Amino acid sequence: MESWLRSLTRIHHYTYPIVAVCGLLATVTLSEPGAHVAAVGPVRFDPFYASLVAFGALLLLSVTDAYDPSDYGLGSSDGEE
């Protein structure tokens, strides 16, 4: 049971960096700056830069996070020591 729980927590932990990298790649390859600009009066909003910032922040936060098996009530395995 502990090995399954360890696998599931690792999958959950590494999902966010994968989503961030895929989001950055999709944003850069499928979009371009200035293609869809929304303007309300003097304020202009470009969703290209907003998605770059959002996926970049997700990548930064997920990479700096540390996986500690003891947080999940698991002992360290032989491969992690």
Protein backbone atom coordinates (compact mmCIF):
# COMPACT_ATOMS: atom_id res chain seq x y z
CA MET A 1 0.00 0.00 0.00
CA GLU A 2 2.82 2.39 0.80
CA SER A 3 4.38 1.93 -2.65
CA TRP A 4 1.09 2.87 -4.34
CA LEU A 5 0.69 5.92 -2.14
CA ARG A 6 4.29 6.92 -2.84
CA SER A 7 3.69 6.62 -6.60
CA LEU A 8 0.48 8.63 -6.46
CA THR A 9 2.05 11.44 -4.43
CA ARG A 10 4.96 11.66 -6.85
CA ILE A 11 2.59 11.83 -9.81
CA HIS A 12 0.64 14.57 -8.05
CA HIS A 13 3.84 16.44 -7.21
CA TYR A 14 5.26 16.35 -10.75
CA THR A 15 2.00 17.25 -12.51
CA TYR A 16 2.39 21.00 -12.04
CA PRO A 17 5.83 21.39 -13.69
CA ILE A 18 4.62 19.33 -16.65
CA VAL A 19 1.49 21.48 -17.00
CA ALA A 20 3.61 24.65 -16.78
CA VAL A 21 6.10 23.53 -19.44
CA CYS A 22 3.33 22.37 -21.78
CA GLY A 23 1.46 25.65 -21.24
CA LEU A 24 4.57 27.70 -22.01
CA LEU A 25 5.30 25.65 -25.13
CA ALA A 26 1.70 25.92 -26.34
CA THR A 27 1.63 29.66 -25.70
CA VAL A 28 4.86 30.31 -27.56
CA THR A 29 4.14 28.01 -30.51
CA LEU A 30 0.42 28.64 -31.03
CA SER A 31 0.14 32.33 -30.21
CA GLU A 32 1.95 35.57 -30.85
CA PRO A 33 2.07 38.88 -29.02
CA GLY A 34 -0.43 41.46 -30.16
CA ALA A 35 -2.76 39.01 -31.95
CA HIS A 36 -5.66 39.37 -29.49
CA VAL A 37 -5.45 42.66 -27.63
CA ALA A 38 -8.36 43.84 -25.53
CA ALA A 39 -8.57 47.57 -24.90
CA VAL A 40 -10.82 49.40 -22.49
CA GLY A 41 -10.10 53.09 -22.74
CA PRO A 42 -6.37 53.67 -22.21
CA VAL A 43 -5.84 50.20 -20.70
CA ARG A 44 -4.66 47.49 -23.09
CA PHE A 45 -4.49 43.81 -22.18
CA ASP A 46 -2.60 41.17 -24.15
CA PRO A 47 -3.43 37.60 -23.07
CA PHE A 48 -0.16 36.32 -24.58
CA TYR A 49 1.90 38.01 -21.88
CA ALA A 50 -0.61 37.12 -19.16
CA SER A 51 -0.35 33.41 -20.02
CA LEU A 52 3.46 33.62 -20.14
CA VAL A 53 3.51 35.15 -16.67
CA ALA A 54 0.98 32.67 -15.29
CA PHE A 55 2.70 29.55 -16.65
CA GLY A 56 6.11 30.94 -15.72
CA ALA A 57 4.98 31.54 -12.15
CA LEU A 58 3.50 28.03 -11.98
CA LEU A 59 6.79 26.57 -13.23
CA LEU A 60 8.84 28.62 -10.78
CA LEU A 61 6.67 27.71 -7.80
CA SER A 62 6.49 24.02 -8.70
CA VAL A 63 10.24 23.69 -9.28
CA THR A 64 11.14 25.36 -6.00
CA ASP A 65 8.72 23.13 -4.05
CA ALA A 66 10.34 20.16 -2.31
CA TYR A 67 8.90 16.65 -2.16
CA ASP A 68 9.21 15.23 1.33
CA PRO A 69 7.71 11.76 1.83
CA SER A 70 7.37 12.35 5.58
CA ASP A 71 4.79 15.07 4.84
CA TYR A 72 2.57 12.31 3.49
CA GLY A 73 3.27 9.90 6.33
CA LEU A 74 5.66 7.82 4.24
CA GLY A 75 9.12 6.62 5.15
CA SER A 76 11.96 7.30 2.73
CA SER A 77 12.58 4.55 0.18
CA ASP A 78 15.97 3.05 -0.68
CA GLY A 79 16.14 5.02 -3.94
CA GLU A 80 15.74 8.38 -2.22
CA GLU A 81 18.46 7.94 0.40
